[in-house]
Amino acid sequence: MAVTPTIRAAVLAVLVSAPAYAASEAELDALYAAIGTPRLLEIMRIEGMEQAGEMASDMFGDGAGSFTPMASRIYDTARMAETFRVEFDAVLADADVGPLLDFFGSDRGRQIVELELSAREALLNPDVEDAAERAAEALIDDDPDRRALIEGFVDANDLIELNVMGAMNASVAYYQGLADAGDVTLPERELLAEVWAQEPDIRADTSTWVFAYLGMAYEPLSDDDLKAYTALAGSPHGRALNRALFEGFDDVFNEISYLLGGATVRFGQSEEL
């Protein structure tokens, strides 16, 4: 039977609109594991619990210790993983993740992931973090070529801007949690003004931490390894992964921040009774 022009056009429209790739659930599970996400979430839980403890101590003084169980329930890695996977899977659903699996499954890729996770764990120690910050600053004069390579990686992943944006969104979520739990309406203009007032400090802290972290993590890598990783980051596959990571973690931190805002109000009310 001859195919009419109308049918032929419809068939072509379907072919053109269909995604070129479709990542399987097994591939997404494999990538999620290959980039070390489960271990990273555990580290983030520790970071978050420490920050929540410091916040509670500033706000509630001697009574802050009893805030820990509330924070522990909020920093639940199972829920964090579930929240993360919604956006991570959605962004990569139509992506060709084969090159990513090949890279992170290689000796070079496995080394990079291990270095990133080990450095993140090490930076939990304030003394190590201070030393890493000094080393990153010294690199500007001591080895400008190496510093330039790290800056190239930062730029390829847009790490400063995306982290600043994520931190500010999380701050908005925290204030929204405060408002909802306290049954108080915060005018949007005031809320945004408060958050934007924090932007310079957030940007400075983010830049310092990113270069300290990457300088420490990638110190054992050769220039060729770092260039190869930067090239991956600049590829369509790498950009898709970067977007999936940031959108997934933005959802995680927005949810956590909102819950922390509500928990802060409820804890404060219980302390008053």
C-alpha atoms as a PDB file:
ATOM      1  CA  MET A   1       0.000   0.000   0.000  1.00  0.00           C
ATOM      2  CA  ALA A   2       1.337   3.405  -0.929  1.00  0.00           C
ATOM      3  CA  VAL A   3       2.034   5.797   1.915  1.00  0.00           C
ATOM      4  CA  THR A   4       0.134   9.036   1.446  1.00  0.00           C
ATOM      5  CA  PRO A   5       1.979  12.346   1.848  1.00  0.00           C
ATOM      6  CA  THR A   6      -0.034  13.060   5.027  1.00  0.00           C
ATOM      7  CA  ILE A   7       0.935   9.746   6.619  1.00  0.00           C
ATOM      8  CA  ARG A   8       4.524  10.155   5.480  1.00  0.00           C
ATOM      9  CA  ALA A   9       4.658  13.623   7.073  1.00  0.00           C
ATOM     10  CA  ALA A  10       3.228  12.282  10.322  1.00  0.00           C
ATOM     11  CA  VAL A  11       5.771   9.478  10.415  1.00  0.00           C
ATOM     12  CA  LEU A  12       8.611  11.908   9.792  1.00  0.00           C
ATOM     13  CA  ALA A  13       7.326  14.201  12.546  1.00  0.00           C
ATOM     14  CA  VAL A  14       7.395  11.340  15.031  1.00  0.00           C
ATOM     15  CA  LEU A  15      10.917  10.371  13.998  1.00  0.00           C
ATOM     16  CA  VAL A  16      12.188  13.926  14.247  1.00  0.00           C
ATOM     17  CA  SER A  17      10.602  14.568  17.651  1.00  0.00           C
ATOM     18  CA  ALA A  18      11.678  11.265  19.207  1.00  0.00           C
ATOM     19  CA  PRO A  19      14.825  11.455  21.360  1.00  0.00           C
ATOM     20  CA  ALA A  20      17.996  10.159  19.756  1.00  0.00           C
ATOM     21  CA  TYR A  21      18.846   8.249  22.919  1.00  0.00           C
ATOM     22  CA  ALA A  22      16.977   6.803  25.837  1.00  0.00           C
ATOM     23  CA  ALA A  23      19.003   5.888  28.903  1.00  0.00           C
ATOM     24  CA  SER A  24      17.815   2.705  30.571  1.00  0.00           C
ATOM     25  CA  GLU A  25      17.103   2.448  34.274  1.00  0.00           C
ATOM     26  CA  ALA A  26      20.063   0.104  34.601  1.00  0.00           C
ATOM     27  CA  GLU A  27      22.364   2.642  32.943  1.00  0.00           C
ATOM     28  CA  LEU A  28      21.158   5.435  35.223  1.00  0.00           C
ATOM     29  CA  ASP A  29      21.638   3.198  38.270  1.00  0.00           C
ATOM     30  CA  ALA A  30      25.146   2.364  37.079  1.00  0.00           C
ATOM     31  CA  LEU A  31      26.037   6.022  36.508  1.00  0.00           C
ATOM     32  CA  TYR A  32      24.584   7.041  39.879  1.00  0.00           C
ATOM     33  CA  ALA A  33      26.904   4.498  41.515  1.00  0.00           C
ATOM     34  CA  ALA A  34      29.927   5.150  39.285  1.00  0.00           C
ATOM     35  CA  ILE A  35      30.142   8.826  40.216  1.00  0.00           C
ATOM     36  CA  GLY A  36      30.036   7.927  43.910  1.00  0.00           C
ATOM     37  CA  THR A  37      26.678   9.486  44.761  1.00  0.00           C
ATOM     38  CA  PRO A  38      25.723   7.157  47.657  1.00  0.00           C
ATOM     39  CA  ARG A  39      28.983   7.911  49.479  1.00  0.00           C
ATOM     40  CA  LEU A  40      28.697  11.609  48.644  1.00  0.00           C
ATOM     41  CA  LEU A  41      25.257  11.756  50.235  1.00  0.00           C
ATOM     42  CA  GLU A  42      26.674  10.246  53.417  1.00  0.00           C
ATOM     43  CA  ILE A  43      29.361  12.940  53.479  1.00  0.00           C
ATOM     44  CA  MET A  44      26.755  15.622  52.843  1.00  0.00           C
ATOM     45  CA  ARG A  45      24.752  14.302  55.768  1.00  0.00           C
ATOM     46  CA  ILE A  46      27.764  14.764  58.050  1.00  0.00           C
ATOM     47  CA  GLU A  47      28.376  18.262  56.670  1.00  0.00           C
ATOM     48  CA  GLY A  48      24.734  19.161  57.123  1.00  0.00           C
ATOM     49  CA  MET A  49      24.511  17.810  60.653  1.00  0.00           C
ATOM     50  CA  GLU A  50      27.554  19.867  61.650  1.00  0.00           C
ATOM     51  CA  GLN A  51      26.120  23.021  60.094  1.00  0.00           C
ATOM     52  CA  ALA A  52      22.722  22.423  61.701  1.00  0.00           C
ATOM     53  CA  GLY A  53      24.426  21.977  65.068  1.00  0.00           C
ATOM     54  CA  GLU A  54      26.297  25.250  64.675  1.00  0.00           C
ATOM     55  CA  MET A  55      23.100  27.041  63.669  1.00  0.00           C
ATOM     56  CA  ALA A  56      21.203  25.620  66.654  1.00  0.00           C
ATOM     57  CA  SER A  57      24.027  26.550  69.004  1.00  0.00           C
ATOM     58  CA  ASP A  58      23.966  30.140  67.755  1.00  0.00           C
ATOM     59  CA  MET A  59      20.206  30.342  68.118  1.00  0.00           C
ATOM     60  CA  PHE A  60      19.482  28.287  71.231  1.00  0.00           C
ATOM     61  CA  GLY A  61      22.713  28.178  73.210  1.00  0.00           C
ATOM     62  CA  ASP A  62      22.919  25.406  75.794  1.00  0.00           C
ATOM     63  CA  GLY A  63      19.673  23.808  74.656  1.00  0.00           C
ATOM     64  CA  ALA A  64      20.939  23.218  71.132  1.00  0.00           C
ATOM     65  CA  GLY A  65      21.926  19.599  71.748  1.00  0.00           C
ATOM     66  CA  SER A  66      18.336  18.400  71.733  1.00  0.00           C
ATOM     67  CA  PHE A  67      17.939  19.814  68.202  1.00  0.00           C
ATOM     68  CA  THR A  68      20.172  17.015  66.889  1.00  0.00           C
ATOM     69  CA  PRO A  69      17.436  14.336  66.598  1.00  0.00           C
ATOM     70  CA  MET A  70      15.313  16.697  64.522  1.00  0.00           C
ATOM     71  CA  ALA A  71      18.227  17.483  62.226  1.00  0.00           C
ATOM     72  CA  SER A  72      19.074  13.799  61.936  1.00  0.00           C
ATOM     73  CA  ARG A  73      15.585  13.008  60.669  1.00  0.00           C
ATOM     74  CA  ILE A  74      15.863  15.804  58.110  1.00  0.00           C
ATOM     75  CA  TYR A  75      19.272  14.663  56.850  1.00  0.00           C
ATOM     76  CA  ASP A  76      17.976  11.209  56.007  1.00  0.00           C
ATOM     77  CA  THR A  77      20.124   9.809  53.203  1.00  0.00           C
ATOM     78  CA  ALA A  78      17.393   7.509  51.897  1.00  0.00           C
ATOM     79  CA  ARG A  79      15.044  10.459  51.339  1.00  0.00           C
ATOM     80  CA  MET A  80      17.904  12.577  50.000  1.00  0.00           C
ATOM     81  CA  ALA A  81      18.697   9.874  47.453  1.00  0.00           C
ATOM     82  CA  GLU A  82      15.063   9.532  46.436  1.00  0.00           C
ATOM     83  CA  THR A  83      14.695  13.290  45.951  1.00  0.00           C
ATOM     84  CA  PHE A  84      17.957  13.490  44.016  1.00  0.00           C
ATOM     85  CA  ARG A  85      17.078  10.677  41.643  1.00  0.00           C
ATOM     86  CA  VAL A  86      13.861  12.341  40.456  1.00  0.00           C
ATOM     87  CA  GLU A  87      15.686  15.180  38.670  1.00  0.00           C
ATOM     88  CA  PHE A  88      18.867  13.215  37.977  1.00  0.00           C
ATOM     89  CA  ASP A  89      16.923  10.548  36.088  1.00  0.00           C
ATOM     90  CA  ALA A  90      14.631  13.059  34.370  1.00  0.00           C
ATOM     91  CA  VAL A  91      17.493  15.161  33.000  1.00  0.00           C
ATOM     92  CA  LEU A  92      19.440  12.146  31.742  1.00  0.00           C
ATOM     93  CA  ALA A  93      16.471  10.099  30.540  1.00  0.00           C
ATOM     94  CA  ASP A  94      17.037  11.073  26.891  1.00  0.00           C
ATOM     95  CA  ALA A  95      20.822  11.424  27.125  1.00  0.00           C
ATOM     96  CA  ASP A  96      23.485   9.133  25.763  1.00  0.00           C
ATOM     97  CA  VAL A  97      25.141   8.119  29.037  1.00  0.00           C
ATOM     98  CA  GLY A  98      27.417   5.567  27.393  1.00  0.00           C
ATOM     99  CA  PRO A  99      30.433   7.930  27.182  1.00  0.00           C
ATOM    100  CA  LEU A 100      29.910   8.871  30.834  1.00  0.00           C
ATOM    101  CA  LEU A 101      29.837   5.232  31.914  1.00  0.00           C
ATOM    102  CA  ASP A 102      32.961   4.575  29.847  1.00  0.00           C
ATOM    103  CA  PHE A 103      34.827   7.486  31.428  1.00  0.00           C
ATOM    104  CA  PHE A 104      33.855   6.872  35.031  1.00  0.00           C
ATOM    105  CA  GLY A 105      34.318   3.132  34.611  1.00  0.00           C
ATOM    106  CA  SER A 106      37.909   3.597  33.432  1.00  0.00           C
ATOM    107  CA  ASP A 107      40.951   3.637  35.709  1.00  0.00           C
ATOM    108  CA  ARG A 108      41.198   7.404  35.234  1.00  0.00           C
ATOM    109  CA  GLY A 109      37.541   7.940  36.058  1.00  0.00           C
ATOM    110  CA  ARG A 110      37.597   5.726  39.131  1.00  0.00           C
ATOM    111  CA  GLN A 111      40.673   7.547  40.416  1.00  0.00           C
ATOM    112  CA  ILE A 112      38.999  10.932  39.937  1.00  0.00           C
ATOM    113  CA  VAL A 113      35.863   9.873  41.802  1.00  0.00           C
ATOM    114  CA  GLU A 114      37.892   8.463  44.678  1.00  0.00           C
ATOM    115  CA  LEU A 115      39.993  11.630  44.894  1.00  0.00           C
ATOM    116  CA  GLU A 116      36.873  13.806  44.928  1.00  0.00           C
ATOM    117  CA  LEU A 117      35.208  11.807  47.672  1.00  0.00           C
ATOM    118  CA  SER A 118      38.356  11.514  49.783  1.00  0.00           C
ATOM    119  CA  ALA A 119      38.971  15.258  49.571  1.00  0.00           C
ATOM    120  CA  ARG A 120      35.358  15.985  50.535  1.00  0.00           C
ATOM    121  CA  GLU A 121      35.726  13.761  53.576  1.00  0.00           C
ATOM    122  CA  ALA A 122      39.054  15.311  54.527  1.00  0.00           C
ATOM    123  CA  LEU A 123      37.586  18.821  54.374  1.00  0.00           C
ATOM    124  CA  LEU A 124      35.260  17.904  57.220  1.00  0.00           C
ATOM    125  CA  ASN A 125      38.305  18.660  59.380  1.00  0.00           C
ATOM    126  CA  PRO A 126      38.576  22.471  59.807  1.00  0.00           C
ATOM    127  CA  ASP A 127      42.364  22.299  59.988  1.00  0.00           C
ATOM    128  CA  VAL A 128      42.509  20.450  56.675  1.00  0.00           C
ATOM    129  CA  GLU A 129      40.129  22.957  55.118  1.00  0.00           C
ATOM    130  CA  ASP A 130      42.289  25.874  56.278  1.00  0.00           C
ATOM    131  CA  ALA A 131      45.397  24.220  54.816  1.00  0.00           C
ATOM    132  CA  ALA A 132      43.618  23.530  51.528  1.00  0.00           C
ATOM    133  CA  GLU A 133      42.513  27.156  51.268  1.00  0.00           C
ATOM    134  CA  ARG A 134      46.088  28.370  51.833  1.00  0.00           C
ATOM    135  CA  ALA A 135      47.397  25.910  49.238  1.00  0.00           C
ATOM    136  CA  ALA A 136      44.826  27.037  46.668  1.00  0.00           C
ATOM    137  CA  GLU A 137      45.756  30.674  47.240  1.00  0.00           C
ATOM    138  CA  ALA A 138      49.471  29.912  46.971  1.00  0.00           C
ATOM    139  CA  LEU A 139      48.903  28.094  43.679  1.00  0.00           C
ATOM    140  CA  ILE A 140      48.099  31.410  41.999  1.00  0.00           C
ATOM    141  CA  ASP A 141      51.762  32.472  42.282  1.00  0.00           C
ATOM    142  CA  ASP A 142      53.547  29.133  42.712  1.00  0.00           C
ATOM    143  CA  ASP A 143      52.038  27.287  39.744  1.00  0.00           C
ATOM    144  CA  PRO A 144      49.853  29.589  37.613  1.00  0.00           C
ATOM    145  CA  ASP A 145      49.584  27.008  34.825  1.00  0.00           C
ATOM    146  CA  ARG A 146      48.077  24.452  37.176  1.00  0.00           C
ATOM    147  CA  ARG A 147      45.775  27.086  38.650  1.00  0.00           C
ATOM    148  CA  ALA A 148      44.653  27.925  35.113  1.00  0.00           C
ATOM    149  CA  LEU A 149      43.775  24.277  34.479  1.00  0.00           C
ATOM    150  CA  ILE A 150      41.647  24.180  37.625  1.00  0.00           C
ATOM    151  CA  GLU A 151      39.990  27.461  36.652  1.00  0.00           C
ATOM    152  CA  GLY A 152      39.238  25.924  33.251  1.00  0.00           C
ATOM    153  CA  PHE A 153      37.497  23.015  34.959  1.00  0.00           C
ATOM    154  CA  VAL A 154      35.530  25.392  37.183  1.00  0.00           C
ATOM    155  CA  ASP A 155      34.435  27.413  34.144  1.00  0.00           C
ATOM    156  CA  ALA A 156      33.514  24.313  32.113  1.00  0.00           C
ATOM    157  CA  ASN A 157      31.130  23.240  34.874  1.00  0.00           C
ATOM    158  CA  ASP A 158      30.039  26.787  35.827  1.00  0.00           C
ATOM    159  CA  LEU A 159      30.719  25.754  39.408  1.00  0.00           C
ATOM    160  CA  ILE A 160      30.744  29.174  41.019  1.00  0.00           C
ATOM    161  CA  GLU A 161      27.528  30.506  39.520  1.00  0.00           C
ATOM    162  CA  LEU A 162      25.558  27.280  39.927  1.00  0.00           C
ATOM    163  CA  ASN A 163      26.677  26.831  43.530  1.00  0.00           C
ATOM    164  CA  VAL A 164      25.864  30.441  44.397  1.00  0.00           C
ATOM    165  CA  MET A 165      22.442  30.102  42.800  1.00  0.00           C
ATOM    166  CA  GLY A 166      21.828  26.847  44.654  1.00  0.00           C
ATOM    167  CA  ALA A 167      22.836  28.341  47.991  1.00  0.00           C
ATOM    168  CA  MET A 168      20.560  31.327  47.500  1.00  0.00           C
ATOM    169  CA  ASN A 169      17.625  29.119  46.503  1.00  0.00           C
ATOM    170  CA  ALA A 170      18.209  27.040  49.624  1.00  0.00           C
ATOM    171  CA  SER A 171      18.235  30.215  51.712  1.00  0.00           C
ATOM    172  CA  VAL A 172      14.865  31.209  50.241  1.00  0.00           C
ATOM    173  CA  ALA A 173      13.513  27.734  51.058  1.00  0.00           C
ATOM    174  CA  TYR A 174      14.722  28.076  54.660  1.00  0.00           C
ATOM    175  CA  TYR A 175      12.901  31.382  55.117  1.00  0.00           C
ATOM    176  CA  GLN A 176       9.784  29.872  53.552  1.00  0.00           C
ATOM    177  CA  GLY A 177      10.000  27.021  56.046  1.00  0.00           C
ATOM    178  CA  LEU A 178      10.266  29.527  58.872  1.00  0.00           C
ATOM    179  CA  ALA A 179       7.269  31.439  57.625  1.00  0.00           C
ATOM    180  CA  ASP A 180       5.057  28.420  57.060  1.00  0.00           C
ATOM    181  CA  ALA A 181       5.833  26.831  60.427  1.00  0.00           C
ATOM    182  CA  GLY A 182       5.344  30.098  62.254  1.00  0.00           C
ATOM    183  CA  ASP A 183       2.199  30.953  60.345  1.00  0.00           C
ATOM    184  CA  VAL A 184       3.824  34.235  59.404  1.00  0.00           C
ATOM    185  CA  THR A 185       3.730  35.801  55.966  1.00  0.00           C
ATOM    186  CA  LEU A 186       7.058  37.124  54.741  1.00  0.00           C
ATOM    187  CA  PRO A 187       6.603  39.684  51.946  1.00  0.00           C
ATOM    188  CA  GLU A 188       8.373  38.334  48.868  1.00  0.00           C
ATOM    189  CA  ARG A 189      10.232  41.597  48.325  1.00  0.00           C
ATOM    190  CA  GLU A 190      11.665  41.518  51.852  1.00  0.00           C
ATOM    191  CA  LEU A 191      12.559  37.846  51.595  1.00  0.00           C
ATOM    192  CA  LEU A 192      14.413  38.302  48.312  1.00  0.00           C
ATOM    193  CA  ALA A 193      16.143  41.432  49.587  1.00  0.00           C
ATOM    194  CA  GLU A 194      17.374  39.495  52.627  1.00  0.00           C
ATOM    195  CA  VAL A 195      18.708  36.681  50.454  1.00  0.00           C
ATOM    196  CA  TRP A 196      20.350  38.963  47.906  1.00  0.00           C
ATOM    197  CA  ALA A 197      22.070  40.818  50.744  1.00  0.00           C
ATOM    198  CA  GLN A 198      23.859  37.532  51.454  1.00  0.00           C
ATOM    199  CA  GLU A 199      25.031  37.087  47.843  1.00  0.00           C
ATOM    200  CA  PRO A 200      28.517  38.678  48.141  1.00  0.00           C
ATOM    201  CA  ASP A 201      29.398  36.556  51.173  1.00  0.00           C
ATOM    202  CA  ILE A 202      27.954  33.417  49.560  1.00  0.00           C
ATOM    203  CA  ARG A 203      29.982  34.063  46.392  1.00  0.00           C
ATOM    204  CA  ALA A 204      33.214  34.680  48.286  1.00  0.00           C
ATOM    205  CA  ASP A 205      32.774  31.595  50.473  1.00  0.00           C
ATOM    206  CA  THR A 206      31.824  29.472  47.463  1.00  0.00           C
ATOM    207  CA  SER A 207      34.841  30.527  45.437  1.00  0.00           C
ATOM    208  CA  THR A 208      37.214  29.910  48.343  1.00  0.00           C
ATOM    209  CA  TRP A 209      35.755  26.471  49.052  1.00  0.00           C
ATOM    210  CA  VAL A 210      35.589  25.337  45.411  1.00  0.00           C
ATOM    211  CA  PHE A 211      39.230  26.123  44.673  1.00  0.00           C
ATOM    212  CA  ALA A 212      40.406  24.671  47.984  1.00  0.00           C
ATOM    213  CA  TYR A 213      38.433  21.483  47.351  1.00  0.00           C
ATOM    214  CA  LEU A 214      39.461  21.025  43.722  1.00  0.00           C
ATOM    215  CA  GLY A 215      43.078  21.947  44.353  1.00  0.00           C
ATOM    216  CA  MET A 216      43.255  19.306  47.062  1.00  0.00           C
ATOM    217  CA  ALA A 217      41.237  16.676  45.201  1.00  0.00           C
ATOM    218  CA  TYR A 218      43.095  16.931  41.897  1.00  0.00           C
ATOM    219  CA  GLU A 219      46.600  17.484  43.236  1.00  0.00           C
ATOM    220  CA  PRO A 220      47.603  13.863  42.417  1.00  0.00           C
ATOM    221  CA  LEU A 221      46.211  14.108  38.857  1.00  0.00           C
ATOM    222  CA  SER A 222      48.474  14.775  35.909  1.00  0.00           C
ATOM    223  CA  ASP A 223      47.769  17.764  33.704  1.00  0.00           C
ATOM    224  CA  ASP A 224      46.609  15.375  30.983  1.00  0.00           C
ATOM    225  CA  ASP A 225      44.115  13.751  33.346  1.00  0.00           C
ATOM    226  CA  LEU A 226      42.726  17.117  34.369  1.00  0.00           C
ATOM    227  CA  LYS A 227      42.502  18.238  30.744  1.00  0.00           C
ATOM    228  CA  ALA A 228      40.645  15.053  29.825  1.00  0.00           C
ATOM    229  CA  TYR A 229      38.177  15.587  32.671  1.00  0.00           C
ATOM    230  CA  THR A 230      37.641  19.193  31.614  1.00  0.00           C
ATOM    231  CA  ALA A 231      37.055  18.070  28.031  1.00  0.00           C
ATOM    232  CA  LEU A 232      34.397  15.646  29.248  1.00  0.00           C
ATOM    233  CA  ALA A 233      32.759  18.442  31.263  1.00  0.00           C
ATOM    234  CA  GLY A 234      32.572  20.605  28.141  1.00  0.00           C
ATOM    235  CA  SER A 235      31.056  17.867  25.988  1.00  0.00           C
ATOM    236  CA  PRO A 236      27.284  17.423  25.535  1.00  0.00           C
ATOM    237  CA  HIS A 237      27.469  14.337  27.763  1.00  0.00           C
ATOM    238  CA  GLY A 238      29.320  16.211  30.482  1.00  0.00           C
ATOM    239  CA  ARG A 239      26.997  19.202  30.342  1.00  0.00           C
ATOM    240  CA  ALA A 240      23.996  16.912  30.691  1.00  0.00           C
ATOM    241  CA  LEU A 241      25.550  15.223  33.722  1.00  0.00           C
ATOM    242  CA  ASN A 242      26.424  18.564  35.307  1.00  0.00           C
ATOM    243  CA  ARG A 243      22.848  19.780  34.854  1.00  0.00           C
ATOM    244  CA  ALA A 244      21.476  16.536  36.286  1.00  0.00           C
ATOM    245  CA  LEU A 245      23.738  16.828  39.329  1.00  0.00           C
ATOM    246  CA  PHE A 246      22.913  20.435  40.097  1.00  0.00           C
ATOM    247  CA  GLU A 247      19.186  20.076  39.525  1.00  0.00           C
ATOM    248  CA  GLY A 248      19.116  16.925  41.654  1.00  0.00           C
ATOM    249  CA  PHE A 249      21.097  18.431  44.508  1.00  0.00           C
ATOM    250  CA  ASP A 250      19.179  21.715  44.311  1.00  0.00           C
ATOM    251  CA  ASP A 251      16.001  19.756  45.009  1.00  0.00           C
ATOM    252  CA  VAL A 252      17.699  17.962  47.900  1.00  0.00           C
ATOM    253  CA  PHE A 253      18.969  21.126  49.555  1.00  0.00           C
ATOM    254  CA  ASN A 254      15.793  23.091  48.961  1.00  0.00           C
ATOM    255  CA  GLU A 255      13.799  20.348  50.666  1.00  0.00           C
ATOM    256  CA  ILE A 256      16.273  20.108  53.545  1.00  0.00           C
ATOM    257  CA  SER A 257      16.409  23.873  53.998  1.00  0.00           C
ATOM    258  CA  TYR A 258      12.629  24.162  54.061  1.00  0.00           C
ATOM    259  CA  LEU A 259      12.394  21.381  56.644  1.00  0.00           C
ATOM    260  CA  LEU A 260      15.143  22.978  58.746  1.00  0.00           C
ATOM    261  CA  GLY A 261      13.250  26.271  58.734  1.00  0.00           C
ATOM    262  CA  GLY A 262      10.148  24.552  60.049  1.00  0.00           C
ATOM    263  CA  ALA A 263      12.127  22.529  62.588  1.00  0.00           C
ATOM    264  CA  THR A 264      13.795  25.689  63.880  1.00  0.00           C
ATOM    265  CA  VAL A 265      10.422  27.266  64.614  1.00  0.00           C
ATOM    266  CA  ARG A 266       9.005  24.168  66.298  1.00  0.00           C
ATOM    267  CA  PHE A 267      12.146  23.670  68.382  1.00  0.00           C
ATOM    268  CA  GLY A 268      12.108  27.285  69.490  1.00  0.00           C
ATOM    269  CA  GLN A 269       8.454  26.990  70.496  1.00  0.00           C
ATOM    270  CA  SER A 270       9.176  23.851  72.520  1.00  0.00           C
ATOM    271  CA  GLU A 271      12.055  25.571  74.296  1.00  0.00           C
ATOM    272  CA  GLU A 272       9.721  28.370  75.377  1.00  0.00           C
ATOM    273  CA  LEU A 273       7.265  25.999  77.036  1.00  0.00           C
END
